[in-house]
């Protein structure tokens, strides 16, 4: 018998949301992924950080941002004296989308489709409503388009604080929004130090706002 896509529980805590998301079949990504990778962090976080999707290591461990991109994010947070444990970190898509290479031994990240992003968005909105952050940081174009729509361009928006109070007509708790690149893009950049410097400059806008 086919599994039924999980329903996002109303007025649920993060633990209840996490448990419900573990059974979600709202798109086909659950078929090949090891597990759902839900967000983690403080339920009273001032900042929610939203990435794209779990990577290979995240898929195996069930935790967000524990691979190379997570290490890059952690480096920037340390330099800015921002405590990651005080944040809530999640992804726009909760399952790993990948292709296999080398006779099926390696799994290579594949960008989620718009259909998959939209199918997973109710979970992200539920997280935002539960945490009610003051600030939301969008890492990369997938996260940016997940909340701001398919026409949103990271290059036009990055590095400045914007207002967020609805997503595609659905109300969310009002927050200030910061768009920046995904740390995995730094790892792929021809000049990593320059790419990292730009990433750090964007996050400095957040750090200064938190200090006010």
N, C-alpha and C. Protein backbone atom coordinates (compact mmCIF):
# COMPACT_ATOMS: atom_id res chain seq x y z
N UNK A 1 0.84 -1.19 0.00
CA UNK A 1 0.00 0.00 0.00
C UNK A 1 0.88 1.24 0.00
N UNK A 2 0.55 2.22 -0.80
CA UNK A 2 1.34 3.44 -0.86
C UNK A 2 1.19 4.23 0.42
N UNK A 3 2.29 4.83 0.83
CA UNK A 3 2.26 5.69 2.01
C UNK A 3 1.54 6.99 1.68
N UNK A 4 0.95 7.58 2.69
CA UNK A 4 0.24 8.85 2.53
C UNK A 4 1.12 9.99 3.01
N UNK A 5 1.17 11.05 2.25
CA UNK A 5 1.96 12.20 2.65
C UNK A 5 1.50 12.70 4.01
N UNK A 6 2.48 13.00 4.88
CA UNK A 6 2.16 13.46 6.22
C UNK A 6 1.51 14.84 6.18
N UNK A 7 0.63 15.08 7.13
CA UNK A 7 -0.02 16.37 7.25
C UNK A 7 0.72 17.17 8.30
N UNK A 8 1.00 18.43 8.01
CA UNK A 8 1.69 19.28 8.97
C UNK A 8 0.75 19.54 10.14
N UNK A 9 1.11 19.13 11.36
CA UNK A 9 0.20 19.31 12.49
C UNK A 9 0.04 20.79 12.85
N UNK A 10 -1.17 21.17 13.22
CA UNK A 10 -1.43 22.54 13.66
C UNK A 10 -0.93 22.74 15.09
N UNK A 11 -0.39 23.93 15.34
CA UNK A 11 0.02 24.33 16.69
C UNK A 11 0.93 23.30 17.34
N UNK A 12 1.80 22.70 16.53
CA UNK A 12 2.69 21.66 17.05
C UNK A 12 4.03 22.26 17.46
N UNK A 13 4.67 21.62 18.44
CA UNK A 13 6.02 21.97 18.81
C UNK A 13 7.00 21.41 17.79
N UNK A 14 8.26 21.78 17.92
CA UNK A 14 9.26 21.32 16.96
C UNK A 14 9.43 19.80 16.99
N UNK A 15 9.36 19.19 18.17
CA UNK A 15 9.49 17.73 18.25
C UNK A 15 8.35 17.03 17.51
N UNK A 16 7.14 17.57 17.65
CA UNK A 16 6.00 16.98 16.94
C UNK A 16 6.13 17.18 15.44
N UNK A 17 6.58 18.36 15.04
CA UNK A 17 6.79 18.61 13.61
C UNK A 17 7.85 17.67 13.05
N UNK A 18 8.93 17.51 13.79
CA UNK A 18 10.01 16.63 13.34
C UNK A 18 9.52 15.19 13.16
N UNK A 19 8.74 14.72 14.11
CA UNK A 19 8.21 13.36 14.04
C UNK A 19 7.27 13.20 12.85
N UNK A 20 6.42 14.20 12.61
CA UNK A 20 5.49 14.12 11.48
C UNK A 20 6.24 14.18 10.15
N UNK A 21 7.25 15.04 10.07
CA UNK A 21 8.01 15.18 8.82
C UNK A 21 8.76 13.89 8.47
N UNK A 22 9.07 13.10 9.47
CA UNK A 22 9.80 11.85 9.22
C UNK A 22 9.00 10.88 8.37
N UNK A 23 7.69 11.06 8.30
CA UNK A 23 6.84 10.15 7.52
C UNK A 23 6.32 10.82 6.24
N UNK A 24 6.85 12.00 5.92
CA UNK A 24 6.31 12.74 4.78
C UNK A 24 6.68 12.09 3.45
N UNK A 25 5.69 11.97 2.59
CA UNK A 25 5.88 11.47 1.22
C UNK A 25 5.27 12.46 0.23
N UNK A 26 5.38 13.75 0.57
CA UNK A 26 4.76 14.78 -0.25
C UNK A 26 5.39 14.94 -1.63
N UNK A 27 6.63 14.48 -1.79
CA UNK A 27 7.26 14.39 -3.11
C UNK A 27 8.03 13.09 -3.15
N UNK A 28 8.66 12.80 -4.27
CA UNK A 28 9.31 11.50 -4.43
C UNK A 28 10.70 11.40 -3.82
N UNK A 29 11.22 12.47 -3.24
CA UNK A 29 12.59 12.42 -2.73
C UNK A 29 12.75 11.44 -1.57
N UNK A 30 11.69 11.18 -0.83
CA UNK A 30 11.78 10.27 0.30
C UNK A 30 12.16 8.85 -0.14
N UNK A 31 11.90 8.51 -1.39
CA UNK A 31 12.11 7.14 -1.86
C UNK A 31 13.58 6.73 -1.81
N UNK A 32 14.48 7.65 -2.14
CA UNK A 32 15.90 7.31 -2.22
C UNK A 32 16.71 7.85 -1.05
N UNK A 33 16.21 8.88 -0.38
CA UNK A 33 16.93 9.45 0.75
C UNK A 33 16.95 8.48 1.93
N UNK A 34 17.98 8.58 2.75
CA UNK A 34 18.07 7.74 3.94
C UNK A 34 17.01 8.10 4.96
N UNK A 35 16.77 9.40 5.11
CA UNK A 35 15.83 9.86 6.14
C UNK A 35 15.50 11.33 5.91
N UNK A 36 14.46 11.78 6.57
CA UNK A 36 14.15 13.21 6.60
C UNK A 36 15.19 13.90 7.47
N UNK A 37 15.66 15.06 7.01
CA UNK A 37 16.59 15.86 7.81
C UNK A 37 15.86 17.15 8.18
N UNK A 38 15.34 17.17 9.39
CA UNK A 38 14.57 18.33 9.85
C UNK A 38 15.52 19.34 10.47
N UNK A 39 14.99 20.53 10.76
CA UNK A 39 15.81 21.56 11.39
C UNK A 39 16.15 21.21 12.82
N UNK A 40 17.16 21.94 13.36
CA UNK A 40 17.52 21.75 14.75
C UNK A 40 18.01 23.07 15.33
N UNK A 41 17.89 23.17 16.64
CA UNK A 41 18.34 24.38 17.31
C UNK A 41 17.34 24.86 18.33
N UNK A 42 17.55 26.07 18.79
CA UNK A 42 16.72 26.63 19.85
C UNK A 42 15.32 26.98 19.35
N UNK A 43 14.32 26.58 20.12
CA UNK A 43 12.94 26.92 19.79
C UNK A 43 12.64 28.40 20.02
N UNK A 44 13.56 29.07 20.72
CA UNK A 44 13.41 30.50 20.96
C UNK A 44 14.51 31.29 20.25
N UNK A 45 15.03 30.74 19.17
CA UNK A 45 16.13 31.37 18.44
C UNK A 45 15.72 32.72 17.87
N UNK A 46 16.62 33.67 17.96
CA UNK A 46 16.38 34.97 17.31
C UNK A 46 16.60 34.87 15.81
N UNK A 47 17.36 33.85 15.39
CA UNK A 47 17.73 33.72 13.98
C UNK A 47 17.42 32.32 13.49
N UNK A 48 16.75 32.22 12.35
CA UNK A 48 16.59 30.96 11.63
C UNK A 48 17.43 31.03 10.36
N UNK A 49 18.28 30.04 10.18
CA UNK A 49 19.12 29.94 8.98
C UNK A 49 18.52 28.86 8.08
N UNK A 50 18.26 29.22 6.82
CA UNK A 50 17.62 28.29 5.89
C UNK A 50 18.57 27.99 4.74
N UNK A 51 18.94 26.74 4.57
CA UNK A 51 19.76 26.31 3.45
C UNK A 51 18.90 25.70 2.35
N UNK A 52 19.55 24.95 1.47
CA UNK A 52 18.86 24.37 0.32
C UNK A 52 18.24 23.03 0.65
N UNK A 53 19.09 22.05 0.91
CA UNK A 53 18.66 20.68 1.18
C UNK A 53 19.79 19.97 1.91
N UNK A 54 19.52 18.81 2.51
CA UNK A 54 20.60 18.05 3.12
C UNK A 54 21.60 17.58 2.06
N UNK A 55 22.85 17.43 2.46
CA UNK A 55 23.85 16.81 1.60
C UNK A 55 24.05 15.37 2.00
N UNK A 56 25.10 14.77 1.48
CA UNK A 56 25.37 13.35 1.73
C UNK A 56 25.53 13.07 3.23
N UNK A 57 26.35 13.85 3.91
CA UNK A 57 26.59 13.60 5.33
C UNK A 57 25.35 13.91 6.17
N UNK A 58 24.62 14.94 5.79
CA UNK A 58 23.39 15.27 6.50
C UNK A 58 22.36 14.15 6.36
N UNK A 59 22.28 13.60 5.16
CA UNK A 59 21.35 12.50 4.91
C UNK A 59 21.68 11.29 5.77
N UNK A 60 22.96 11.04 5.98
CA UNK A 60 23.39 9.88 6.77
C UNK A 60 23.19 10.09 8.27
N UNK A 61 23.45 11.33 8.71
CA UNK A 61 23.37 11.59 10.16
C UNK A 61 21.99 12.05 10.62
N UNK A 62 21.20 12.61 9.68
CA UNK A 62 19.90 13.15 10.05
C UNK A 62 19.96 14.53 10.65
N UNK A 63 21.11 15.23 10.49
CA UNK A 63 21.28 16.56 11.06
C UNK A 63 21.68 17.55 9.98
N UNK A 64 21.18 18.79 10.03
CA UNK A 64 21.50 19.78 9.00
C UNK A 64 22.89 20.40 9.19
N UNK A 65 23.54 20.71 8.08
CA UNK A 65 24.81 21.45 8.06
C UNK A 65 25.89 20.82 8.94
N UNK A 66 26.16 19.54 8.71
CA UNK A 66 27.25 18.86 9.41
C UNK A 66 28.37 18.45 8.45
N UNK A 67 28.21 18.74 7.15
CA UNK A 67 29.22 18.41 6.16
C UNK A 67 30.14 19.59 5.88
N UNK A 68 30.81 19.59 4.73
CA UNK A 68 31.74 20.67 4.38
C UNK A 68 31.10 22.06 4.35
N UNK A 69 29.88 22.16 3.84
CA UNK A 69 29.19 23.46 3.83
C UNK A 69 28.90 23.92 5.26
N UNK A 70 28.55 22.99 6.12
CA UNK A 70 28.32 23.31 7.52
C UNK A 70 29.58 23.81 8.20
N UNK A 71 30.73 23.21 7.85
CA UNK A 71 31.99 23.66 8.42
C UNK A 71 32.30 25.09 7.98
N UNK A 72 31.97 25.42 6.73
CA UNK A 72 32.19 26.78 6.24
C UNK A 72 31.28 27.76 6.97
N UNK A 73 30.03 27.38 7.17
CA UNK A 73 29.11 28.22 7.94
C UNK A 73 29.61 28.41 9.36
N UNK A 74 30.07 27.34 9.99
CA UNK A 74 30.57 27.42 11.36
C UNK A 74 31.77 28.36 11.45
N UNK A 75 32.65 28.31 10.46
CA UNK A 75 33.82 29.19 10.44
C UNK A 75 33.39 30.66 10.48
N UNK A 76 32.42 31.00 9.63
CA UNK A 76 31.95 32.38 9.57
C UNK A 76 31.28 32.78 10.88
N UNK A 77 30.47 31.91 11.45
CA UNK A 77 29.80 32.24 12.71
C UNK A 77 30.81 32.45 13.83
N UNK A 78 31.87 31.64 13.86
CA UNK A 78 32.90 31.82 14.89
C UNK A 78 33.58 33.17 14.74
N UNK A 79 33.91 33.53 13.51
CA UNK A 79 34.60 34.81 13.28
C UNK A 79 33.74 36.00 13.68
N UNK A 80 32.42 35.83 13.59
CA UNK A 80 31.51 36.91 13.95
C UNK A 80 31.00 36.79 15.38
N UNK A 81 31.52 35.81 16.12
CA UNK A 81 31.13 35.57 17.51
C UNK A 81 29.62 35.34 17.64
N UNK A 82 29.07 34.61 16.67
CA UNK A 82 27.66 34.21 16.72
C UNK A 82 27.60 32.74 17.12
N UNK A 83 26.90 32.46 18.18
CA UNK A 83 26.80 31.10 18.72
C UNK A 83 25.81 30.28 17.91
N UNK A 84 26.32 29.27 17.22
CA UNK A 84 25.41 28.46 16.40
C UNK A 84 24.35 27.76 17.26
N UNK A 85 24.69 27.39 18.47
CA UNK A 85 23.72 26.68 19.30
C UNK A 85 22.51 27.54 19.66
N UNK A 86 22.65 28.86 19.49
CA UNK A 86 21.53 29.76 19.77
C UNK A 86 20.65 29.97 18.54
N UNK A 87 21.06 29.42 17.40
CA UNK A 87 20.31 29.57 16.16
C UNK A 87 19.40 28.38 15.94
N UNK A 88 18.50 28.52 14.97
CA UNK A 88 17.74 27.38 14.46
C UNK A 88 18.15 27.22 13.01
N UNK A 89 18.66 26.04 12.66
CA UNK A 89 19.21 25.80 11.33
C UNK A 89 18.39 24.74 10.63
N UNK A 90 17.98 25.02 9.40
CA UNK A 90 17.13 24.09 8.66
C UNK A 90 17.39 24.22 7.17
N UNK A 91 16.59 23.54 6.37
CA UNK A 91 16.69 23.60 4.91
C UNK A 91 15.32 23.77 4.28
N UNK A 92 15.30 24.33 3.08
CA UNK A 92 14.05 24.49 2.35
C UNK A 92 13.45 23.14 1.98
N UNK A 93 14.32 22.17 1.68
CA UNK A 93 13.90 20.81 1.33
C UNK A 93 14.51 19.85 2.34
N UNK A 94 13.73 18.91 2.82
CA UNK A 94 14.15 18.07 3.95
C UNK A 94 14.73 16.71 3.54
N UNK A 95 14.73 16.39 2.27
CA UNK A 95 15.33 15.14 1.81
C UNK A 95 16.45 15.43 0.81
N UNK A 96 17.44 14.57 0.77
CA UNK A 96 18.60 14.69 -0.10
C UNK A 96 18.23 14.26 -1.52
N UNK A 97 18.41 15.18 -2.46
CA UNK A 97 18.23 14.85 -3.88
C UNK A 97 19.62 14.67 -4.49
N UNK A 98 19.84 13.52 -5.14
CA UNK A 98 21.18 13.21 -5.63
C UNK A 98 21.12 12.32 -6.86
N UNK A 99 22.27 12.21 -7.52
CA UNK A 99 22.48 11.22 -8.59
C UNK A 99 23.67 10.38 -8.19
N UNK A 100 23.66 9.13 -8.63
CA UNK A 100 24.76 8.22 -8.29
C UNK A 100 25.77 8.18 -9.44
N UNK A 101 27.04 8.14 -9.07
CA UNK A 101 28.13 8.01 -10.05
C UNK A 101 29.08 6.92 -9.58
N UNK A 102 30.00 6.57 -10.43
CA UNK A 102 31.00 5.54 -10.12
C UNK A 102 30.34 4.24 -9.65
N UNK A 103 29.51 3.70 -10.54
CA UNK A 103 28.83 2.43 -10.26
C UNK A 103 27.98 2.47 -8.99
N UNK A 104 27.42 3.64 -8.75
CA UNK A 104 26.48 3.76 -7.64
C UNK A 104 27.10 3.97 -6.28
N UNK A 105 28.43 4.16 -6.23
CA UNK A 105 29.09 4.30 -4.92
C UNK A 105 29.01 5.72 -4.37
N UNK A 106 29.10 6.71 -5.24
CA UNK A 106 29.08 8.11 -4.80
C UNK A 106 27.74 8.75 -5.11
N UNK A 107 27.30 9.60 -4.20
CA UNK A 107 26.04 10.32 -4.39
C UNK A 107 26.36 11.80 -4.53
N UNK A 108 25.99 12.37 -5.67
CA UNK A 108 26.29 13.76 -5.97
C UNK A 108 25.02 14.59 -5.88
N UNK A 109 25.13 15.68 -5.16
CA UNK A 109 24.02 16.62 -4.98
C UNK A 109 23.40 17.02 -6.31
N UNK A 110 22.08 17.08 -6.33
CA UNK A 110 21.34 17.59 -7.48
C UNK A 110 20.34 18.61 -6.96
N UNK A 111 20.27 19.77 -7.60
CA UNK A 111 19.41 20.85 -7.12
C UNK A 111 17.94 20.42 -7.11
N UNK A 112 17.23 20.68 -6.00
CA UNK A 112 15.81 20.32 -5.96
C UNK A 112 15.01 21.08 -7.01
N UNK A 113 13.97 20.44 -7.49
CA UNK A 113 13.08 21.09 -8.46
C UNK A 113 12.14 22.05 -7.73
N UNK A 114 11.53 22.93 -8.50
CA UNK A 114 10.55 23.86 -7.92
C UNK A 114 9.40 23.08 -7.29
N UNK A 115 8.97 22.00 -7.92
CA UNK A 115 7.89 21.17 -7.38
C UNK A 115 8.26 20.63 -6.01
N UNK A 116 9.50 20.18 -5.86
CA UNK A 116 9.95 19.62 -4.58
C UNK A 116 10.06 20.71 -3.51
N UNK A 117 10.52 21.88 -3.92
CA UNK A 117 10.62 23.00 -2.97
C UNK A 117 9.24 23.39 -2.46
N UNK A 118 8.28 23.50 -3.37
CA UNK A 118 6.92 23.89 -2.99
C UNK A 118 6.27 22.81 -2.13
N UNK A 119 6.51 21.55 -2.46
CA UNK A 119 5.93 20.45 -1.67
C UNK A 119 6.44 20.46 -0.24
N UNK A 120 7.69 20.89 -0.05
CA UNK A 120 8.29 20.87 1.28
C UNK A 120 8.08 22.18 2.04
N UNK A 121 7.62 23.21 1.37
CA UNK A 121 7.52 24.52 2.01
C UNK A 121 6.61 24.55 3.24
N UNK A 122 5.51 23.79 3.30
CA UNK A 122 4.70 23.82 4.53
C UNK A 122 5.49 23.48 5.79
N UNK A 123 6.48 22.61 5.68
CA UNK A 123 7.30 22.28 6.84
C UNK A 123 8.15 23.48 7.25
N UNK A 124 8.74 24.16 6.27
CA UNK A 124 9.55 25.33 6.55
C UNK A 124 8.70 26.44 7.18
N UNK A 125 7.52 26.67 6.65
CA UNK A 125 6.65 27.69 7.21
C UNK A 125 6.23 27.32 8.63
N UNK A 126 6.00 26.05 8.87
CA UNK A 126 5.64 25.60 10.22
C UNK A 126 6.79 25.86 11.20
N UNK A 127 8.02 25.65 10.74
CA UNK A 127 9.18 25.93 11.59
C UNK A 127 9.26 27.42 11.92
N UNK A 128 9.06 28.27 10.91
CA UNK A 128 9.11 29.71 11.14
C UNK A 128 8.03 30.15 12.11
N UNK A 129 6.84 29.60 11.97
CA UNK A 129 5.74 29.98 12.85
C UNK A 129 5.98 29.51 14.28
N UNK A 130 6.66 28.39 14.43
CA UNK A 130 6.91 27.88 15.77
C UNK A 130 8.02 28.65 16.46
N UNK A 131 9.09 28.95 15.72
CA UNK A 131 10.24 29.63 16.31
C UNK A 131 10.01 31.14 16.44
N UNK A 132 9.31 31.72 15.47
CA UNK A 132 9.06 33.17 15.45
C UNK A 132 10.36 33.98 15.59
N UNK A 133 11.28 33.80 14.65
CA UNK A 133 12.57 34.48 14.77
C UNK A 133 12.46 35.97 14.47
N UNK A 134 13.46 36.71 14.93
CA UNK A 134 13.58 38.11 14.56
C UNK A 134 14.21 38.25 13.18
N UNK A 135 15.09 37.29 12.86
CA UNK A 135 15.82 37.34 11.60
C UNK A 135 15.78 35.97 10.92
N UNK A 136 15.72 35.99 9.59
CA UNK A 136 15.79 34.77 8.79
C UNK A 136 16.91 34.97 7.77
N UNK A 137 17.85 34.04 7.74
CA UNK A 137 18.96 34.09 6.79
C UNK A 137 18.72 33.03 5.72
N UNK A 138 18.69 33.46 4.47
CA UNK A 138 18.49 32.54 3.35
C UNK A 138 19.82 32.29 2.67
N UNK A 139 20.26 31.04 2.69
CA UNK A 139 21.53 30.67 2.09
C UNK A 139 21.32 30.10 0.70
N UNK A 140 21.63 30.88 -0.33
CA UNK A 140 21.56 30.38 -1.70
C UNK A 140 20.23 30.63 -2.38
N UNK A 141 20.22 30.36 -3.67
CA UNK A 141 19.06 30.70 -4.50
C UNK A 141 17.86 29.82 -4.23
N UNK A 142 18.06 28.54 -3.89
CA UNK A 142 16.92 27.67 -3.62
C UNK A 142 16.15 28.16 -2.40
N UNK A 143 16.86 28.46 -1.31
CA UNK A 143 16.21 28.97 -0.11
C UNK A 143 15.55 30.32 -0.39
N UNK A 144 16.22 31.16 -1.17
CA UNK A 144 15.68 32.48 -1.50
C UNK A 144 14.38 32.36 -2.27
N UNK A 145 14.37 31.51 -3.29
CA UNK A 145 13.15 31.33 -4.09
C UNK A 145 12.06 30.61 -3.31
N UNK A 146 12.44 29.79 -2.34
CA UNK A 146 11.44 29.08 -1.54
C UNK A 146 10.55 30.05 -0.78
N UNK A 147 11.13 31.16 -0.28
CA UNK A 147 10.34 32.10 0.50
C UNK A 147 9.94 33.35 -0.28
N UNK A 148 10.73 33.73 -1.28
CA UNK A 148 10.46 34.98 -2.00
C UNK A 148 9.91 34.77 -3.40
N UNK A 149 9.79 33.53 -3.84
CA UNK A 149 9.20 33.26 -5.14
C UNK A 149 10.24 32.99 -6.21
N UNK A 150 9.83 32.36 -7.31
CA UNK A 150 10.77 31.91 -8.34
C UNK A 150 11.49 33.03 -9.08
N UNK A 151 10.98 34.24 -9.02
CA UNK A 151 11.62 35.35 -9.73
C UNK A 151 12.68 36.05 -8.87
N UNK A 152 12.78 35.70 -7.61
CA UNK A 152 13.75 36.34 -6.72
C UNK A 152 15.16 36.00 -7.14
N UNK A 153 16.02 37.00 -7.18
CA UNK A 153 17.42 36.81 -7.60
C UNK A 153 18.35 37.11 -6.44
N UNK A 154 19.14 36.12 -6.08
CA UNK A 154 20.07 36.28 -4.98
C UNK A 154 20.99 37.47 -5.20
N UNK A 155 21.49 37.64 -6.42
CA UNK A 155 22.44 38.72 -6.70
C UNK A 155 21.84 40.10 -6.48
N UNK A 156 20.54 40.23 -6.64
CA UNK A 156 19.87 41.52 -6.44
C UNK A 156 19.58 41.80 -4.97
N UNK A 157 19.52 40.75 -4.15
CA UNK A 157 19.01 40.88 -2.79
C UNK A 157 20.05 40.70 -1.70
N UNK A 158 21.17 40.09 -2.01
CA UNK A 158 22.09 39.66 -0.98
C UNK A 158 22.71 40.84 -0.21
N UNK A 159 22.92 40.58 1.07
CA UNK A 159 23.68 41.50 1.89
C UNK A 159 22.92 42.65 2.50
N UNK A 160 21.61 42.71 2.34
CA UNK A 160 20.86 43.79 2.96
C UNK A 160 19.61 43.24 3.63
N UNK A 161 19.17 43.91 4.67
CA UNK A 161 18.03 43.45 5.43
C UNK A 161 16.72 43.82 4.75
N UNK A 162 15.84 42.84 4.60
CA UNK A 162 14.53 43.02 3.98
C UNK A 162 13.46 42.64 5.00
N UNK A 163 12.22 42.96 4.70
CA UNK A 163 11.10 42.61 5.57
C UNK A 163 10.39 41.37 5.05
N UNK A 164 10.06 40.47 5.96
CA UNK A 164 9.31 39.26 5.62
C UNK A 164 8.10 39.17 6.54
N UNK A 165 6.89 39.10 5.94
CA UNK A 165 5.69 38.89 6.75
C UNK A 165 4.70 37.94 6.09
N UNK A 166 5.01 37.50 4.87
CA UNK A 166 4.16 36.53 4.19
C UNK A 166 4.98 35.78 3.15
N UNK A 167 4.52 34.60 2.80
CA UNK A 167 5.16 33.78 1.78
C UNK A 167 4.08 33.29 0.83
N UNK A 168 4.11 33.79 -0.39
CA UNK A 168 3.12 33.41 -1.39
C UNK A 168 1.69 33.60 -0.86
N UNK A 169 1.49 34.72 -0.17
CA UNK A 169 0.17 35.05 0.36
C UNK A 169 -0.14 34.47 1.72
N UNK A 170 0.71 33.56 2.22
CA UNK A 170 0.49 32.96 3.54
C UNK A 170 1.23 33.77 4.59
N UNK A 171 0.56 34.19 5.65
CA UNK A 171 1.23 34.99 6.68
C UNK A 171 2.25 34.16 7.46
N UNK A 172 3.35 34.80 7.80
CA UNK A 172 4.35 34.22 8.69
C UNK A 172 4.71 35.30 9.72
N UNK A 173 5.27 34.91 10.85
CA UNK A 173 5.65 35.92 11.84
C UNK A 173 6.60 36.94 11.22
N UNK A 174 6.36 38.24 11.42
CA UNK A 174 7.23 39.25 10.82
C UNK A 174 8.68 39.08 11.26
N UNK A 175 9.60 39.20 10.31
CA UNK A 175 11.02 39.04 10.58
C UNK A 175 11.81 39.87 9.59
N UNK A 176 13.06 40.17 9.92
CA UNK A 176 13.97 40.77 8.97
C UNK A 176 14.67 39.64 8.23
N UNK A 177 14.88 39.84 6.97
CA UNK A 177 15.39 38.78 6.09
C UNK A 177 16.74 39.18 5.52
N UNK A 178 17.70 38.26 5.55
CA UNK A 178 19.01 38.49 4.94
C UNK A 178 19.29 37.38 3.95
N UNK A 179 19.60 37.76 2.72
CA UNK A 179 19.92 36.81 1.65
C UNK A 179 21.43 36.80 1.43
N UNK A 180 22.00 35.62 1.32
CA UNK A 180 23.42 35.50 0.99
C UNK A 180 23.64 34.20 0.21
N UNK A 181 24.87 33.97 -0.18
CA UNK A 181 25.18 32.77 -0.94
C UNK A 181 25.15 31.54 -0.03
N UNK A 182 25.07 30.38 -0.62
CA UNK A 182 25.16 29.14 0.15
C UNK A 182 26.64 28.83 0.37
N UNK A 183 27.03 28.39 1.56
CA UNK A 183 28.45 28.12 1.80
C UNK A 183 29.04 27.07 0.87
N UNK A 184 28.21 26.17 0.32
CA UNK A 184 28.74 25.20 -0.63
C UNK A 184 29.25 25.87 -1.90
N UNK A 185 28.67 27.05 -2.24
CA UNK A 185 29.13 27.78 -3.42
C UNK A 185 30.56 28.30 -3.21
N UNK A 186 30.91 28.58 -1.97
CA UNK A 186 32.28 29.00 -1.67
C UNK A 186 33.25 27.87 -1.97
N UNK A 187 32.87 26.66 -1.63
CA UNK A 187 33.73 25.50 -1.85
C UNK A 187 33.95 25.24 -3.33
N UNK A 188 33.02 25.67 -4.17
CA UNK A 188 33.14 25.46 -5.62
C UNK A 188 33.74 26.66 -6.34
N UNK A 189 33.92 27.77 -5.64
CA UNK A 189 34.35 29.01 -6.27
C UNK A 189 35.82 28.94 -6.71
N UNK A 190 36.16 29.53 -7.87
CA UNK A 190 37.57 29.57 -8.31
C UNK A 190 38.46 30.28 -7.30
N UNK A 191 37.94 31.34 -6.67
CA UNK A 191 38.68 32.07 -5.64
C UNK A 191 37.90 31.94 -4.33
N UNK A 192 38.24 30.94 -3.56
CA UNK A 192 37.48 30.65 -2.34
C UNK A 192 37.58 31.78 -1.33
N UNK A 193 38.74 32.37 -1.20
CA UNK A 193 38.91 33.42 -0.20
C UNK A 193 38.05 34.64 -0.52
N UNK A 194 37.99 34.99 -1.80
CA UNK A 194 37.14 36.12 -2.19
C UNK A 194 35.67 35.80 -1.96
N UNK A 195 35.27 34.58 -2.31
CA UNK A 195 33.88 34.17 -2.11
C UNK A 195 33.55 34.14 -0.62
N UNK A 196 34.48 33.66 0.19
CA UNK A 196 34.25 33.62 1.63
C UNK A 196 34.16 35.02 2.21
N UNK A 197 35.00 35.92 1.72
CA UNK A 197 34.97 37.30 2.20
C UNK A 197 33.62 37.95 1.93
N UNK A 198 33.03 37.68 0.76
CA UNK A 198 31.71 38.20 0.45
C UNK A 198 30.64 37.62 1.35
N UNK A 199 30.74 36.33 1.62
CA UNK A 199 29.81 35.64 2.52
C UNK A 199 29.90 36.23 3.92
N UNK A 200 31.13 36.43 4.39
CA UNK A 200 31.34 36.98 5.72
C UNK A 200 30.81 38.42 5.81
N UNK A 201 31.00 39.18 4.75
CA UNK A 201 30.49 40.56 4.74
C UNK A 201 28.97 40.58 4.84
N UNK A 202 28.30 39.66 4.15
CA UNK A 202 26.84 39.57 4.24
C UNK A 202 26.40 39.24 5.67
N UNK A 203 27.05 38.25 6.27
CA UNK A 203 26.66 37.84 7.62
C UNK A 203 27.02 38.88 8.66
N UNK A 204 27.98 39.74 8.35
CA UNK A 204 28.31 40.83 9.26
C UNK A 204 27.11 41.78 9.43
N UNK A 205 26.31 41.92 8.40
CA UNK A 205 25.09 42.74 8.48
C UNK A 205 24.17 42.16 9.56
N UNK A 206 24.06 40.84 9.58
CA UNK A 206 23.25 40.18 10.61
C UNK A 206 23.86 40.37 12.00
N UNK A 207 25.17 40.14 12.11
CA UNK A 207 25.84 40.24 13.40
C UNK A 207 25.67 41.63 14.00
N UNK A 208 25.78 42.66 13.18
CA UNK A 208 25.61 44.04 13.67
C UNK A 208 24.17 44.28 14.12
N UNK A 209 23.22 43.73 13.38
CA UNK A 209 21.82 43.89 13.76
C UNK A 209 21.52 43.20 15.09
N UNK A 210 22.13 42.06 15.33
CA UNK A 210 21.91 41.33 16.56
C UNK A 210 22.49 42.06 17.77
N UNK A 211 23.52 42.85 17.53
CA UNK A 211 24.16 43.59 18.62
C UNK A 211 23.41 44.84 19.03
N UNK A 212 22.46 45.27 18.21
CA UNK A 212 21.74 46.50 18.51
C UNK A 212 20.76 46.31 19.66
